[in-house]
Protein backbone atom coordinates (compact mmCIF):
# COMPACT_ATOMS: atom_id res chain seq x y z
CA UNK A 1 64.59 39.91 120.25
CA UNK A 2 61.94 37.74 121.86
CA UNK A 3 58.42 39.04 121.71
CA UNK A 4 56.43 40.13 124.75
CA UNK A 5 57.39 42.18 127.75
CA UNK A 6 60.98 42.55 128.89
CA UNK A 7 61.30 42.66 132.69
CA UNK A 8 64.48 44.14 134.15
CA UNK A 9 65.41 43.81 137.82
CA UNK A 10 67.46 46.82 138.89
CA UNK A 11 68.98 48.10 142.08
CA UNK A 12 67.35 51.09 143.70
CA UNK A 13 69.71 53.64 142.12
CA UNK A 14 68.17 57.02 141.32
CA UNK A 15 69.87 56.91 137.89
CA UNK A 16 67.17 54.48 136.75
CA UNK A 17 64.44 57.08 137.26
CA UNK A 18 65.99 60.15 135.63
CA UNK A 19 63.89 62.12 133.11
CA UNK A 20 65.99 60.67 130.26
CA UNK A 21 65.25 57.13 131.36
CA UNK A 22 61.58 57.94 131.90
CA UNK A 23 61.38 59.32 128.32
CA UNK A 24 63.11 56.22 126.95
CA UNK A 25 60.69 53.95 128.80
CA UNK A 26 57.75 55.94 127.44
CA UNK A 27 58.93 55.01 123.93
CA UNK A 28 59.67 51.38 124.80
CA UNK A 29 56.38 50.17 126.25
CA UNK A 30 57.35 46.49 126.46
CA UNK A 31 60.19 47.21 128.92
CA UNK A 32 59.26 47.02 132.61
CA UNK A 33 61.57 47.98 135.45
CA UNK A 34 61.37 46.24 138.83
CA UNK A 35 63.44 47.71 141.65
CA UNK A 36 64.97 45.75 144.49
CA UNK A 37 64.40 46.99 148.03
CA UNK A 38 67.06 49.30 149.41
CA UNK A 39 69.90 47.21 150.85
CA UNK A 40 68.82 44.04 149.03
CA UNK A 41 72.11 42.18 149.19
CA UNK A 42 70.37 38.99 148.01
CA UNK A 43 70.80 40.32 144.49
CA UNK A 44 74.55 40.04 144.99
CA UNK A 45 74.15 36.27 145.22
CA UNK A 46 73.71 36.07 141.43
CA UNK A 47 77.27 37.30 141.01
CA UNK A 48 78.81 33.90 141.88
CA UNK A 49 76.85 32.32 139.03
CA UNK A 50 78.15 34.90 136.57
CA UNK A 51 81.69 34.32 137.86
CA UNK A 52 81.25 30.57 137.47
CA UNK A 53 79.94 30.70 133.92
CA UNK A 54 82.69 33.16 132.99
CA UNK A 55 85.46 30.98 134.42
CA UNK A 56 84.12 27.59 133.38
CA UNK A 57 82.75 28.38 129.94
CA UNK A 58 83.26 31.83 128.50
CA UNK A 59 86.98 32.39 129.16
CA UNK A 60 87.75 28.95 127.76
CA UNK A 61 85.86 29.48 124.53
CA UNK A 62 86.32 31.20 121.22
CA UNK A 63 83.18 32.70 119.80
CA UNK A 64 83.14 33.88 116.20
CA UNK A 65 79.71 35.49 116.48
CA UNK A 66 77.11 36.68 118.97
CA UNK A 67 74.85 33.70 118.14
CA UNK A 68 77.77 31.35 118.96
CA UNK A 69 78.25 33.09 122.32
CA UNK A 70 74.52 32.88 123.07
CA UNK A 71 74.51 29.17 122.16
CA UNK A 72 77.44 28.54 124.54
CA UNK A 73 75.69 30.34 127.40
CA UNK A 74 72.43 28.47 126.82
CA UNK A 75 74.28 25.16 126.63
CA UNK A 76 76.06 25.86 129.92
CA UNK A 77 72.80 26.83 131.64
CA UNK A 78 71.08 23.66 130.36
CA UNK A 79 73.90 21.49 131.70
CA UNK A 80 74.02 23.40 134.99
CA UNK A 81 70.26 22.99 135.46
CA UNK A 82 70.48 19.20 135.17
CA UNK A 83 71.92 19.13 138.69
CA UNK A 84 71.32 22.59 140.16
CA UNK A 85 72.81 23.47 143.51
CA UNK A 86 72.07 26.63 145.43
CA UNK A 87 74.77 29.12 146.25
CA UNK A 88 75.00 29.26 150.02
CA UNK A 89 76.41 32.18 151.98
CA UNK A 90 78.80 30.49 154.37
CA UNK A 91 80.49 33.41 156.09
CA UNK A 92 79.25 34.26 159.55
CA UNK A 93 78.57 37.84 160.57
CA UNK A 94 81.41 37.70 163.11
CA UNK A 95 83.88 36.46 160.46
CA UNK A 96 82.88 39.29 158.12
CA UNK A 97 83.24 41.86 160.91
CA UNK A 98 86.70 40.49 161.82
CA UNK A 99 87.79 40.82 158.19
CA UNK A 100 86.49 44.39 158.03
CA UNK A 101 88.36 45.24 161.22
CA UNK A 102 91.63 43.80 159.81
CA UNK A 103 91.18 45.72 156.55
CA UNK A 104 90.46 48.94 158.38
CA UNK A 105 93.53 48.49 160.58
CA UNK A 106 95.69 47.77 157.51
CA UNK A 107 94.43 50.92 155.78
CA UNK A 108 95.04 53.05 158.86
CA UNK A 109 98.53 51.74 159.56
CA UNK A 110 99.68 51.15 155.99
CA UNK A 111 100.48 47.49 156.70
């Protein structure tokens, strides 16, 4: 493990603040939790990156050890960062609401 503090960004779930977790944190002083604001959907924008690395690198590889897997991930990130491009949310609110309406109708009618 790297030395120094370990900072974890977590959603605002109450499971992260149970007495068990609090006791564990008391024994692991270098771990720091940071909670996102309630309803922070911006955190969901990291999911496309994980999907991309999974599809483009991890599913295509064979890794005989954890260090080999870590090396593959680091290599992918280095290459990706040579020409980084932001993930952009392209759906409009009205398009999302239309899709929700269609899904709701399908669930209600069974079609």
